[in-house]
Amino acid sequence: IVNESDKTLFVTFTEDGVPQTTDQTVTENNLTMKVDYTDMELKPVDVSSLPQGSGFMMTVTVTNSTFRQINNLALTQMIPSGWEIQNTRLFEANLQLKESSYDYRDFRDDRVYTYFSLRGGETKKFYIILTAAYRGFYSMPAVVCEAMYDEGVTARRPGRGSPRPGPCSVP
């Protein structure tokens, strides 16, 4: 772009599309976090090849690695578009699982937000029951937990891109 006038020229560059790669960095600042995928009998599953209609769980374990209480934590669990989220409050009794306490939980179509606090050294586990609902190849979003008012407290587990066959595929 060449400005051939004496007036100031403003340029806006807009890009649209899906990134070819995802941010693969693991972050742990004053929190540690582990993400596991299991079947309904708590045996590990490979999310890269789930049969259509299979039920499974995402378990996120978050630990406060400091000696102080951390309040206002927000856990964001986004899921691939080919999976469906089941409301864990409806199935908790049948699975004999007892989730850790939280202040508030918001179920959306493609994610679950969980808000909670952790005492120094405390660990909490949160479960999401999922169904591999739709055939195809999907990108796995990152799972993030962070203090809403303290940028020094965060944990992140990266997602995975979608080469074919994808990291989340339903044959």
Protein backbone atom coordinates (compact mmCIF):
# COMPACT_ATOMS: atom_id res chain seq x y z
CA ILE A 1 0.00 0.00 0.00
CA VAL A 2 1.37 3.34 -1.02
CA ASN A 3 -0.21 6.56 0.21
CA GLU A 4 0.14 9.09 -2.62
CA SER A 5 -1.79 11.85 -0.86
CA ASP A 6 -0.98 14.19 2.01
CA LYS A 7 -3.82 12.73 4.10
CA THR A 8 -3.29 10.09 6.76
CA LEU A 9 -4.14 6.63 5.54
CA PHE A 10 -5.60 4.04 7.91
CA VAL A 11 -5.44 0.37 6.98
CA THR A 12 -7.31 -2.48 8.61
CA PHE A 13 -6.08 -6.00 7.98
CA THR A 14 -8.67 -8.71 8.60
CA GLU A 15 -7.95 -12.40 8.48
CA ASP A 16 -10.52 -15.17 8.57
CA GLY A 17 -10.07 -18.92 8.84
CA VAL A 18 -9.03 -21.78 11.06
CA PRO A 19 -5.41 -21.91 12.24
CA GLN A 20 -3.39 -24.83 10.87
CA THR A 21 -1.77 -25.41 14.26
CA THR A 22 -2.83 -24.89 17.83
CA ASP A 23 -0.89 -23.40 20.72
CA GLN A 24 0.72 -26.47 22.30
CA THR A 25 2.13 -24.79 25.41
CA VAL A 26 1.39 -26.15 28.86
CA THR A 27 1.02 -23.45 31.50
CA GLU A 28 1.07 -23.91 35.26
CA ASN A 29 1.38 -20.80 37.43
CA ASN A 30 0.47 -21.47 41.08
CA LEU A 31 -1.95 -24.19 39.88
CA THR A 32 -1.40 -27.67 38.50
CA MET A 33 -3.97 -29.30 36.27
CA LYS A 34 -4.43 -32.75 34.78
CA VAL A 35 -7.01 -33.74 32.14
CA ASP A 36 -7.99 -37.41 31.68
CA TYR A 37 -10.49 -39.16 29.42
CA THR A 38 -12.06 -42.40 30.63
CA ASP A 39 -14.98 -44.65 29.78
CA MET A 40 -17.87 -44.95 32.19
CA GLU A 41 -15.96 -47.68 34.11
CA LEU A 42 -13.08 -45.19 34.62
CA LYS A 43 -10.74 -46.98 32.18
CA PRO A 44 -8.66 -44.67 29.93
CA VAL A 45 -9.98 -44.10 26.39
CA ASP A 46 -8.33 -42.87 23.20
CA VAL A 47 -10.31 -39.84 22.08
CA SER A 48 -8.79 -40.07 18.60
CA SER A 49 -10.99 -43.06 17.71
CA LEU A 50 -14.25 -43.12 19.65
CA PRO A 51 -17.16 -45.15 18.24
CA GLN A 52 -20.20 -43.02 17.45
CA GLY A 53 -22.63 -43.00 20.37
CA SER A 54 -20.06 -43.98 23.00
CA GLY A 55 -20.26 -42.33 26.40
CA PHE A 56 -17.11 -41.26 28.20
CA MET A 57 -15.88 -38.71 30.74
CA MET A 58 -13.46 -35.83 30.91
CA THR A 59 -11.92 -35.54 34.36
CA VAL A 60 -10.05 -32.38 35.29
CA THR A 61 -7.96 -32.35 38.46
CA VAL A 62 -6.86 -28.92 39.69
CA THR A 63 -4.41 -28.39 42.58
CA ASN A 64 -3.49 -25.16 44.35
CA SER A 65 0.32 -25.31 44.51
CA THR A 66 0.57 -22.35 46.89
CA PHE A 67 0.05 -22.06 50.64
CA ARG A 68 -2.67 -19.42 50.32
CA GLN A 69 -6.34 -19.64 49.44
CA ILE A 70 -7.18 -18.83 45.83
CA ASN A 71 -10.71 -17.56 45.24
CA ASN A 72 -12.69 -16.89 42.07
CA LEU A 73 -11.18 -19.66 39.95
CA ALA A 74 -12.81 -20.24 36.56
CA LEU A 75 -12.38 -23.61 34.85
CA THR A 76 -13.28 -23.56 31.14
CA GLN A 77 -13.78 -26.98 29.56
CA MET A 78 -14.48 -26.57 25.86
CA ILE A 79 -15.25 -29.66 23.83
CA PRO A 80 -14.96 -30.60 20.14
CA SER A 81 -18.05 -29.92 18.05
CA GLY A 82 -18.68 -33.63 17.43
CA TRP A 83 -19.22 -34.37 21.13
CA GLU A 84 -22.26 -33.64 23.28
CA ILE A 85 -22.17 -32.66 26.94
CA GLN A 86 -24.40 -34.50 29.40
CA ASN A 87 -25.42 -32.77 32.61
CA THR A 88 -23.34 -34.52 35.31
CA ARG A 89 -25.85 -33.60 38.01
CA LEU A 90 -28.29 -36.03 36.39
CA PHE A 91 -25.83 -38.96 36.31
CA GLU A 92 -23.66 -38.49 39.40
CA ALA A 93 -25.62 -40.92 41.59
CA ASN A 94 -25.59 -43.69 38.96
CA LEU A 95 -21.82 -43.47 38.46
CA GLN A 96 -20.94 -43.56 42.16
CA LEU A 97 -18.79 -40.46 41.60
CA LYS A 98 -18.66 -37.57 43.99
CA GLU A 99 -17.55 -34.37 42.39
CA SER A 100 -15.67 -31.72 44.34
CA SER A 101 -17.63 -28.74 45.56
CA TYR A 102 -17.92 -25.64 43.40
CA ASP A 103 -19.66 -22.28 43.69
CA TYR A 104 -21.41 -22.26 40.33
CA ARG A 105 -21.49 -24.29 37.12
CA ASP A 106 -22.74 -23.17 33.73
CA PHE A 107 -23.46 -25.82 31.07
CA ARG A 108 -23.38 -24.53 27.48
CA ASP A 109 -23.67 -26.38 24.17
CA ASP A 110 -19.92 -26.52 23.59
CA ARG A 111 -18.38 -25.87 27.02
CA VAL A 112 -18.80 -26.02 30.76
CA TYR A 113 -17.72 -23.20 33.07
CA THR A 114 -17.04 -24.15 36.70
CA TYR A 115 -16.33 -21.51 39.35
CA PHE A 116 -14.71 -22.49 42.64
CA SER A 117 -12.05 -21.72 45.27
CA LEU A 118 -9.08 -23.74 46.52
CA ARG A 119 -7.38 -23.66 49.90
CA GLY A 120 -3.58 -23.84 49.94
CA GLY A 121 -2.47 -27.28 48.70
CA GLU A 122 -6.07 -28.40 48.04
CA THR A 123 -7.03 -30.54 45.02
CA LYS A 124 -10.46 -30.73 43.37
CA LYS A 125 -11.81 -33.02 40.63
CA PHE A 126 -14.49 -32.11 38.15
CA TYR A 127 -16.21 -34.49 35.73
CA ILE A 128 -18.02 -33.93 32.46
CA ILE A 129 -19.95 -36.79 30.89
CA LEU A 130 -19.68 -36.71 27.10
CA THR A 131 -21.06 -38.56 24.11
CA ALA A 132 -19.20 -38.99 20.80
CA ALA A 133 -22.28 -37.96 18.86
CA TYR A 134 -21.32 -36.99 15.31
CA ARG A 135 -19.07 -38.63 12.75
CA GLY A 136 -16.07 -36.67 11.55
CA PHE A 137 -12.74 -35.19 12.56
CA TYR A 138 -12.61 -32.44 15.19
CA SER A 139 -10.10 -30.14 16.85
CA MET A 140 -9.71 -30.44 20.59
CA PRO A 141 -9.81 -27.04 22.35
CA ALA A 142 -7.54 -26.24 25.29
CA VAL A 143 -8.71 -26.66 28.89
CA VAL A 144 -7.99 -23.56 31.00
CA CYS A 145 -8.28 -22.76 34.70
CA GLU A 146 -7.47 -19.28 35.94
CA ALA A 147 -8.12 -16.90 38.79
CA MET A 148 -10.49 -14.26 37.47
CA TYR A 149 -8.82 -11.41 39.34
CA ASP A 150 -5.20 -12.59 39.64
CA GLU A 151 -3.23 -13.02 36.41
CA GLY A 152 -0.49 -14.89 38.30
CA VAL A 153 -2.75 -17.92 38.83
CA THR A 154 -3.41 -20.02 35.74
CA ALA A 155 -3.16 -23.53 34.36
CA ARG A 156 -3.65 -24.60 30.76
CA ARG A 157 -3.61 -27.91 28.95
CA PRO A 158 -3.32 -27.45 25.19
CA GLY A 159 -5.81 -28.71 22.70
CA ARG A 160 -4.86 -30.62 19.60
CA GLY A 161 -5.28 -29.67 15.95
CA SER A 162 -7.18 -31.80 13.46
CA PRO A 163 -4.97 -33.60 10.97
CA ARG A 164 -6.89 -36.37 9.25
CA PRO A 165 -7.68 -38.62 11.04
CA GLY A 166 -8.13 -36.07 13.76
CA PRO A 167 -7.29 -36.08 17.46
CA CYS A 168 -11.02 -36.39 18.09
CA SER A 169 -12.57 -38.59 15.50
CA VAL A 170 -15.78 -40.52 15.44
CA PRO A 171 -15.65 -43.25 12.78
